[in-house]
């Protein structure tokens, strides 16, 4: 189902297990998507621990936005939002 959603060409909100599937697949360029990871999911996408994400949330957020080409909402205490620079 995720492949069908990603191939639809429509704007998407990607959360929960869809983020985990993306992390496992390495398929990351999603210019019409909003990703909503918590620190653990963000760490899986970035190949680091949730603690590393928490240690510098703004840097992790910027890196995710650039890597995915998506708007990213990093959930948690002090939720942060970023878009990729174009």
PDB file of N, CA and C in Angstrom:
ATOM      1  N   UNK A   1       0.814  -1.191   0.000  1.00  0.00           N
ATOM      2  CA  UNK A   1       0.000   0.000   0.000  1.00  0.00           C
ATOM      3  C   UNK A   1       0.862   1.262   0.000  1.00  0.00           C
ATOM      4  N   UNK A   2       1.998   1.184   0.707  1.00  0.00           N
ATOM      5  CA  UNK A   2       2.865   2.354   0.751  1.00  0.00           C
ATOM      6  C   UNK A   2       3.374   2.693  -0.641  1.00  0.00           C
ATOM      7  N   UNK A   3       3.787   1.684  -1.399  1.00  0.00           N
ATOM      8  CA  UNK A   3       4.264   1.943  -2.765  1.00  0.00           C
ATOM      9  C   UNK A   3       3.179   2.600  -3.611  1.00  0.00           C
ATOM     10  N   UNK A   4       1.949   2.152  -3.462  1.00  0.00           N
ATOM     11  CA  UNK A   4       0.842   2.752  -4.215  1.00  0.00           C
ATOM     12  C   UNK A   4       0.637   4.204  -3.799  1.00  0.00           C
ATOM     13  N   UNK A   5       0.700   4.463  -2.514  1.00  0.00           N
ATOM     14  CA  UNK A   5       0.534   5.842  -2.038  1.00  0.00           C
ATOM     15  C   UNK A   5       1.673   6.722  -2.544  1.00  0.00           C
ATOM     16  N   UNK A   6       2.903   6.226  -2.444  1.00  0.00           N
ATOM     17  CA  UNK A   6       4.054   7.016  -2.899  1.00  0.00           C
ATOM     18  C   UNK A   6       4.008   7.257  -4.408  1.00  0.00           C
ATOM     19  N   UNK A   7       3.488   6.302  -5.151  1.00  0.00           N
ATOM     20  CA  UNK A   7       3.411   6.430  -6.599  1.00  0.00           C
ATOM     21  C   UNK A   7       2.204   7.207  -7.089  1.00  0.00           C
ATOM     22  N   UNK A   8       1.345   7.636  -6.192  1.00  0.00           N
ATOM     23  CA  UNK A   8       0.110   8.296  -6.600  1.00  0.00           C
ATOM     24  C   UNK A   8       0.321   9.718  -7.112  1.00  0.00           C
ATOM     25  N   UNK A   9       1.443  10.331  -6.744  1.00  0.00           N
ATOM     26  CA  UNK A   9       1.676  11.713  -7.154  1.00  0.00           C
ATOM     27  C   UNK A   9       0.869  12.723  -6.364  1.00  0.00           C
ATOM     28  N   UNK A  10       0.184  12.262  -5.353  1.00  0.00           N
ATOM     29  CA  UNK A  10      -0.648  13.146  -4.526  1.00  0.00           C
ATOM     30  C   UNK A  10       0.108  13.533  -3.261  1.00  0.00           C
ATOM     31  N   UNK A  11      -0.247  14.673  -2.675  1.00  0.00           N
ATOM     32  CA  UNK A  11       0.370  15.045  -1.394  1.00  0.00           C
ATOM     33  C   UNK A  11       0.043  13.999  -0.329  1.00  0.00           C
ATOM     34  N   UNK A  12       1.024  13.722   0.537  1.00  0.00           N
ATOM     35  CA  UNK A  12       0.859  12.688   1.550  1.00  0.00           C
ATOM     36  C   UNK A  12       1.295  13.185   2.920  1.00  0.00           C
ATOM     37  N   UNK A  13       0.694  12.644   3.955  1.00  0.00           N
ATOM     38  CA  UNK A  13       1.202  12.749   5.313  1.00  0.00           C
ATOM     39  C   UNK A  13       1.690  11.355   5.673  1.00  0.00           C
ATOM     40  N   UNK A  14       2.962  11.267   6.050  1.00  0.00           N
ATOM     41  CA  UNK A  14       3.577   9.967   6.317  1.00  0.00           C
ATOM     42  C   UNK A  14       3.933   9.893   7.793  1.00  0.00           C
ATOM     43  N   UNK A  15       3.390   8.874   8.464  1.00  0.00           N
ATOM     44  CA  UNK A  15       3.559   8.729   9.905  1.00  0.00           C
ATOM     45  C   UNK A  15       3.733   7.258  10.243  1.00  0.00           C
ATOM     46  N   UNK A  16       4.131   6.987  11.454  1.00  0.00           N
ATOM     47  CA  UNK A  16       4.121   5.669  12.079  1.00  0.00           C
ATOM     48  C   UNK A  16       4.846   4.615  11.242  1.00  0.00           C
ATOM     49  N   UNK A  17       4.185   3.492  10.975  1.00  0.00           N
ATOM     50  CA  UNK A  17       4.852   2.397  10.287  1.00  0.00           C
ATOM     51  C   UNK A  17       5.296   2.757   8.879  1.00  0.00           C
ATOM     52  N   UNK A  18       4.637   3.701   8.230  1.00  0.00           N
ATOM     53  CA  UNK A  18       5.098   4.125   6.905  1.00  0.00           C
ATOM     54  C   UNK A  18       6.498   4.732   7.007  1.00  0.00           C
ATOM     55  N   UNK A  19       6.781   5.474   8.078  1.00  0.00           N
ATOM     56  CA  UNK A  19       8.131   6.017   8.279  1.00  0.00           C
ATOM     57  C   UNK A  19       9.119   4.873   8.475  1.00  0.00           C
ATOM     58  N   UNK A  20       8.744   3.876   9.258  1.00  0.00           N
ATOM     59  CA  UNK A  20       9.635   2.735   9.470  1.00  0.00           C
ATOM     60  C   UNK A  20       9.909   1.994   8.170  1.00  0.00           C
ATOM     61  N   UNK A  21       8.898   1.851   7.321  1.00  0.00           N
ATOM     62  CA  UNK A  21       9.103   1.210   6.021  1.00  0.00           C
ATOM     63  C   UNK A  21      10.038   2.032   5.141  1.00  0.00           C
ATOM     64  N   UNK A  22       9.889   3.347   5.180  1.00  0.00           N
ATOM     65  CA  UNK A  22      10.797   4.207   4.415  1.00  0.00           C
ATOM     66  C   UNK A  22      12.223   4.062   4.913  1.00  0.00           C
ATOM     67  N   UNK A  23      12.394   4.031   6.224  1.00  0.00           N
ATOM     68  CA  UNK A  23      13.730   3.892   6.796  1.00  0.00           C
ATOM     69  C   UNK A  23      14.374   2.582   6.339  1.00  0.00           C
ATOM     70  N   UNK A  24      13.594   1.528   6.283  1.00  0.00           N
ATOM     71  CA  UNK A  24      14.115   0.224   5.864  1.00  0.00           C
ATOM     72  C   UNK A  24      14.431   0.185   4.378  1.00  0.00           C
ATOM     73  N   UNK A  25      13.668   0.941   3.577  1.00  0.00           N
ATOM     74  CA  UNK A  25      13.832   0.872   2.125  1.00  0.00           C
ATOM     75  C   UNK A  25      14.870   1.844   1.593  1.00  0.00           C
ATOM     76  N   UNK A  26      15.095   2.937   2.307  1.00  0.00           N
ATOM     77  CA  UNK A  26      16.014   3.962   1.812  1.00  0.00           C
ATOM     78  C   UNK A  26      15.398   4.835   0.731  1.00  0.00           C
ATOM     79  N   UNK A  27      14.106   4.709   0.466  1.00  0.00           N
ATOM     80  CA  UNK A  27      13.408   5.506  -0.542  1.00  0.00           C
ATOM     81  C   UNK A  27      12.932   6.797   0.101  1.00  0.00           C
ATOM     82  N   UNK A  28      13.685   7.873  -0.116  1.00  0.00           N
ATOM     83  CA  UNK A  28      13.469   9.052   0.708  1.00  0.00           C
ATOM     84  C   UNK A  28      13.013  10.306   0.007  1.00  0.00           C
ATOM     85  N   UNK A  29      13.172  10.490  -1.244  1.00  0.00           N
ATOM     86  CA  UNK A  29      12.805  11.760  -1.874  1.00  0.00           C
ATOM     87  C   UNK A  29      11.294  11.820  -2.042  1.00  0.00           C
ATOM     88  N   UNK A  30      10.675  12.653  -1.226  1.00  0.00           N
ATOM     89  CA  UNK A  30       9.214  12.729  -1.151  1.00  0.00           C
ATOM     90  C   UNK A  30       8.789  14.188  -1.165  1.00  0.00           C
ATOM     91  N   UNK A  31       8.934  14.867  -2.302  1.00  0.00           N
ATOM     92  CA  UNK A  31       8.716  16.314  -2.315  1.00  0.00           C
ATOM     93  C   UNK A  31       7.288  16.765  -2.042  1.00  0.00           C
ATOM     94  N   UNK A  32       6.316  15.892  -2.139  1.00  0.00           N
ATOM     95  CA  UNK A  32       4.933  16.292  -1.859  1.00  0.00           C
ATOM     96  C   UNK A  32       4.428  15.663  -0.578  1.00  0.00           C
ATOM     97  N   UNK A  33       5.335  15.455   0.380  1.00  0.00           N
ATOM     98  CA  UNK A  33       4.935  14.773   1.603  1.00  0.00           C
ATOM     99  C   UNK A  33       5.251  15.608   2.836  1.00  0.00           C
ATOM    100  N   UNK A  34       4.531  15.283   3.883  1.00  0.00           N
ATOM    101  CA  UNK A  34       4.831  15.779   5.221  1.00  0.00           C
ATOM    102  C   UNK A  34       5.135  14.543   6.056  1.00  0.00           C
ATOM    103  N   UNK A  35       6.339  14.471   6.615  1.00  0.00           N
ATOM    104  CA  UNK A  35       6.727  13.376   7.493  1.00  0.00           C
ATOM    105  C   UNK A  35       6.566  13.822   8.933  1.00  0.00           C
ATOM    106  N   UNK A  36       6.047  12.936   9.777  1.00  0.00           N
ATOM    107  CA  UNK A  36       5.790  13.306  11.163  1.00  0.00           C
ATOM    108  C   UNK A  36       6.449  12.311  12.121  1.00  0.00           C
ATOM    109  N   UNK A  37       7.773  12.229  12.136  1.00  0.00           N
ATOM    110  CA  UNK A  37       8.428  11.257  13.009  1.00  0.00           C
ATOM    111  C   UNK A  37       8.540  11.740  14.451  1.00  0.00           C
ATOM    112  N   UNK A  38       8.538  10.788  15.368  1.00  0.00           N
ATOM    113  CA  UNK A  38       8.986  11.070  16.730  1.00  0.00           C
ATOM    114  C   UNK A  38      10.494  10.804  16.736  1.00  0.00           C
ATOM    115  N   UNK A  39      11.212  11.106  17.808  1.00  0.00           N
ATOM    116  CA  UNK A  39      12.674  10.954  17.784  1.00  0.00           C
ATOM    117  C   UNK A  39      13.169   9.554  17.420  1.00  0.00           C
ATOM    118  N   UNK A  40      12.482   8.512  17.837  1.00  0.00           N
ATOM    119  CA  UNK A  40      12.902   7.155  17.469  1.00  0.00           C
ATOM    120  C   UNK A  40      12.800   6.914  15.975  1.00  0.00           C
ATOM    121  N   UNK A  41      11.698   7.338  15.378  1.00  0.00           N
ATOM    122  CA  UNK A  41      11.529   7.186  13.926  1.00  0.00           C
ATOM    123  C   UNK A  41      12.522   8.058  13.173  1.00  0.00           C
ATOM    124  N   UNK A  42      12.751   9.270  13.666  1.00  0.00           N
ATOM    125  CA  UNK A  42      13.738  10.155  13.037  1.00  0.00           C
ATOM    126  C   UNK A  42      15.115   9.513  13.075  1.00  0.00           C
ATOM    127  N   UNK A  43      15.436   8.894  14.201  1.00  0.00           N
ATOM    128  CA  UNK A  43      16.722   8.207  14.311  1.00  0.00           C
ATOM    129  C   UNK A  43      16.847   7.072  13.316  1.00  0.00           C
ATOM    130  N   UNK A  44      15.772   6.321  13.112  1.00  0.00           N
ATOM    131  CA  UNK A  44      15.821   5.234  12.118  1.00  0.00           C
ATOM    132  C   UNK A  44      16.063   5.791  10.720  1.00  0.00           C
ATOM    133  N   UNK A  45      15.417   6.900  10.384  1.00  0.00           N
ATOM    134  CA  UNK A  45      15.635   7.506   9.064  1.00  0.00           C
ATOM    135  C   UNK A  45      17.065   8.016   8.920  1.00  0.00           C
ATOM    136  N   UNK A  46      17.625   8.539   9.996  1.00  0.00           N
ATOM    137  CA  UNK A  46      18.968   9.123   9.949  1.00  0.00           C
ATOM    138  C   UNK A  46      20.072   8.123  10.257  1.00  0.00           C
ATOM    139  N   UNK A  47      19.711   6.924  10.680  1.00  0.00           N
ATOM    140  CA  UNK A  47      20.723   5.928  11.010  1.00  0.00           C
ATOM    141  C   UNK A  47      21.435   6.223  12.322  1.00  0.00           C
ATOM    142  N   UNK A  48      20.702   6.782  13.279  1.00  0.00           N
ATOM    143  CA  UNK A  48      21.283   7.082  14.586  1.00  0.00           C
ATOM    144  C   UNK A  48      20.249   6.779  15.662  1.00  0.00           C
ATOM    145  N   UNK A  49      20.609   7.010  16.898  1.00  0.00           N
ATOM    146  CA  UNK A  49      19.702   6.729  18.007  1.00  0.00           C
ATOM    147  C   UNK A  49      18.746   7.887  18.251  1.00  0.00           C
ATOM    148  N   UNK A  50      17.670   7.587  18.966  1.00  0.00           N
ATOM    149  CA  UNK A  50      16.750   8.641  19.381  1.00  0.00           C
ATOM    150  C   UNK A  50      17.464   9.640  20.283  1.00  0.00           C
ATOM    151  N   UNK A  51      18.398   9.159  21.090  1.00  0.00           N
ATOM    152  CA  UNK A  51      19.162  10.054  21.966  1.00  0.00           C
ATOM    153  C   UNK A  51      19.984  11.043  21.153  1.00  0.00           C
ATOM    154  N   UNK A  52      20.553  10.584  20.042  1.00  0.00           N
ATOM    155  CA  UNK A  52      21.316  11.494  19.178  1.00  0.00           C
ATOM    156  C   UNK A  52      20.410  12.546  18.561  1.00  0.00           C
ATOM    157  N   UNK A  53      19.209  12.156  18.165  1.00  0.00           N
ATOM    158  CA  UNK A  53      18.232  13.121  17.632  1.00  0.00           C
ATOM    159  C   UNK A  53      17.892  14.134  18.713  1.00  0.00           C
ATOM    160  N   UNK A  54      17.621  13.653  19.919  1.00  0.00           N
ATOM    161  CA  UNK A  54      17.243  14.534  21.018  1.00  0.00           C
ATOM    162  C   UNK A  54      18.375  15.489  21.407  1.00  0.00           C
ATOM    163  N   UNK A  55      19.618  15.053  21.217  1.00  0.00           N
ATOM    164  CA  UNK A  55      20.763  15.881  21.595  1.00  0.00           C
ATOM    165  C   UNK A  55      20.853  17.153  20.763  1.00  0.00           C
ATOM    166  N   UNK A  56      20.371  17.096  19.519  1.00  0.00           N
ATOM    167  CA  UNK A  56      20.355  18.290  18.661  1.00  0.00           C
ATOM    168  C   UNK A  56      19.168  18.192  17.718  1.00  0.00           C
ATOM    169  N   UNK A  57      17.982  18.424  18.270  1.00  0.00           N
ATOM    170  CA  UNK A  57      16.740  18.312  17.499  1.00  0.00           C
ATOM    171  C   UNK A  57      16.724  19.213  16.267  1.00  0.00           C
ATOM    172  N   UNK A  58      17.152  20.485  16.375  1.00  0.00           N
ATOM    173  CA  UNK A  58      17.126  21.337  15.172  1.00  0.00           C
ATOM    174  C   UNK A  58      18.008  20.800  14.037  1.00  0.00           C
ATOM    175  N   UNK A  59      19.179  20.291  14.368  1.00  0.00           N
ATOM    176  CA  UNK A  59      20.075  19.762  13.326  1.00  0.00           C
ATOM    177  C   UNK A  59      19.486  18.497  12.701  1.00  0.00           C
ATOM    178  N   UNK A  60      18.925  17.624  13.538  1.00  0.00           N
ATOM    179  CA  UNK A  60      18.309  16.402  13.009  1.00  0.00           C
ATOM    180  C   UNK A  60      17.139  16.752  12.100  1.00  0.00           C
ATOM    181  N   UNK A  61      16.353  17.722  12.504  1.00  0.00           N
ATOM    182  CA  UNK A  61      15.209  18.164  11.703  1.00  0.00           C
ATOM    183  C   UNK A  61      15.655  18.695  10.351  1.00  0.00           C
ATOM    184  N   UNK A  62      16.646  19.574  10.358  1.00  0.00           N
ATOM    185  CA  UNK A  62      17.142  20.128   9.079  1.00  0.00           C
ATOM    186  C   UNK A  62      17.678  19.028   8.177  1.00  0.00           C
ATOM    187  N   UNK A  63      18.416  18.094   8.753  1.00  0.00           N
ATOM    188  CA  UNK A  63      18.974  17.002   7.950  1.00  0.00           C
ATOM    189  C   UNK A  63      17.862  16.147   7.343  1.00  0.00           C
ATOM    190  N   UNK A  64      16.833  15.838   8.125  1.00  0.00           N
ATOM    191  CA  UNK A  64      15.709  15.059   7.597  1.00  0.00           C
ATOM    192  C   UNK A  64      15.002  15.789   6.467  1.00  0.00           C
ATOM    193  N   UNK A  65      14.774  17.079   6.640  1.00  0.00           N
ATOM    194  CA  UNK A  65      14.091  17.852   5.596  1.00  0.00           C
ATOM    195  C   UNK A  65      14.901  17.838   4.305  1.00  0.00           C
ATOM    196  N   UNK A  66      16.213  17.973   4.415  1.00  0.00           N
ATOM    197  CA  UNK A  66      17.049  17.972   3.214  1.00  0.00           C
ATOM    198  C   UNK A  66      17.132  16.587   2.584  1.00  0.00           C
ATOM    199  N   UNK A  67      17.292  15.557   3.396  1.00  0.00           N
ATOM    200  CA  UNK A  67      17.410  14.195   2.864  1.00  0.00           C
ATOM    201  C   UNK A  67      16.138  13.722   2.180  1.00  0.00           C
ATOM    202  N   UNK A  68      14.991  14.094   2.734  1.00  0.00           N
ATOM    203  CA  UNK A  68      13.724  13.595   2.202  1.00  0.00           C
ATOM    204  C   UNK A  68      13.106  14.523   1.164  1.00  0.00           C
ATOM    205  N   UNK A  69      13.502  15.794   1.183  1.00  0.00           N
ATOM    206  CA  UNK A  69      12.847  16.764   0.309  1.00  0.00           C
ATOM    207  C   UNK A  69      11.438  17.075   0.760  1.00  0.00           C
ATOM    208  N   UNK A  70      11.136  16.744   2.019  1.00  0.00           N
ATOM    209  CA  UNK A  70       9.777  16.868   2.561  1.00  0.00           C
ATOM    210  C   UNK A  70       9.711  17.903   3.665  1.00  0.00           C
ATOM    211  N   UNK A  71       8.505  18.328   3.950  1.00  0.00           N
ATOM    212  CA  UNK A  71       8.262  19.049   5.190  1.00  0.00           C
ATOM    213  C   UNK A  71       8.323  17.994   6.292  1.00  0.00           C
ATOM    214  N   UNK A  72       9.016  18.312   7.387  1.00  0.00           N
ATOM    215  CA  UNK A  72       9.161  17.360   8.487  1.00  0.00           C
ATOM    216  C   UNK A  72       8.666  18.014   9.766  1.00  0.00           C
ATOM    217  N   UNK A  73       7.836  17.280  10.485  1.00  0.00           N
ATOM    218  CA  UNK A  73       7.350  17.688  11.795  1.00  0.00           C
ATOM    219  C   UNK A  73       7.971  16.723  12.800  1.00  0.00           C
ATOM    220  N   UNK A  74       8.995  17.185  13.509  1.00  0.00           N
ATOM    221  CA  UNK A  74       9.656  16.346  14.508  1.00  0.00           C
ATOM    222  C   UNK A  74       8.877  16.470  15.813  1.00  0.00           C
ATOM    223  N   UNK A  75       8.134  15.406  16.129  1.00  0.00           N
ATOM    224  CA  UNK A  75       7.233  15.426  17.273  1.00  0.00           C
ATOM    225  C   UNK A  75       7.998  15.299  18.582  1.00  0.00           C
ATOM    226  N   UNK A  76       7.366  15.742  19.642  1.00  0.00           N
ATOM    227  CA  UNK A  76       7.927  15.627  20.977  1.00  0.00           C
ATOM    228  C   UNK A  76       7.724  16.920  21.732  1.00  0.00           C
ATOM    229  N   UNK A  77       8.285  16.972  22.938  1.00  0.00           N
ATOM    230  CA  UNK A  77       8.226  18.212  23.714  1.00  0.00           C
ATOM    231  C   UNK A  77       8.974  19.275  22.912  1.00  0.00           C
ATOM    232  N   UNK A  78       8.292  20.314  22.535  1.00  0.00           N
ATOM    233  CA  UNK A  78       8.900  21.314  21.669  1.00  0.00           C
ATOM    234  C   UNK A  78       8.925  20.839  20.226  1.00  0.00           C
ATOM    235  N   UNK A  79       7.780  20.451  19.694  1.00  0.00           N
ATOM    236  CA  UNK A  79       7.676  19.990  18.305  1.00  0.00           C
ATOM    237  C   UNK A  79       8.265  21.043  17.367  1.00  0.00           C
ATOM    238  N   UNK A  80       9.040  20.566  16.398  1.00  0.00           N
ATOM    239  CA  UNK A  80       9.701  21.442  15.422  1.00  0.00           C
ATOM    240  C   UNK A  80       9.223  21.110  14.022  1.00  0.00           C
ATOM    241  N   UNK A  81       9.189  22.115  13.150  1.00  0.00           N
ATOM    242  CA  UNK A  81       8.753  21.937  11.770  1.00  0.00           C
ATOM    243  C   UNK A  81       9.777  22.583  10.853  1.00  0.00           C
ATOM    244  N   UNK A  82      10.126  21.878   9.772  1.00  0.00           N
ATOM    245  CA  UNK A  82      11.061  22.443   8.790  1.00  0.00           C
ATOM    246  C   UNK A  82      10.655  21.995   7.399  1.00  0.00           C
ATOM    247  N   UNK A  83      11.060  22.787   6.432  1.00  0.00           N
ATOM    248  CA  UNK A  83      10.896  22.406   5.030  1.00  0.00           C
ATOM    249  C   UNK A  83      12.273  22.402   4.406  1.00  0.00           C
ATOM    250  N   UNK A  84      12.442  21.651   3.328  1.00  0.00           N
ATOM    251  CA  UNK A  84      13.750  21.652   2.680  1.00  0.00           C
ATOM    252  C   UNK A  84      14.017  22.982   2.007  1.00  0.00           C
ATOM    253  N   UNK A  85      15.275  23.335   1.928  1.00  0.00           N
ATOM    254  CA  UNK A  85      15.621  24.514   1.147  1.00  0.00           C
ATOM    255  C   UNK A  85      15.615  24.108  -0.312  1.00  0.00           C
ATOM    256  N   UNK A  86      15.145  24.969  -1.165  1.00  0.00           N
ATOM    257  CA  UNK A  86      15.052  24.613  -2.596  1.00  0.00           C
ATOM    258  C   UNK A  86      15.833  25.580  -3.420  1.00  0.00           C
TER     259      UNK A  86
END
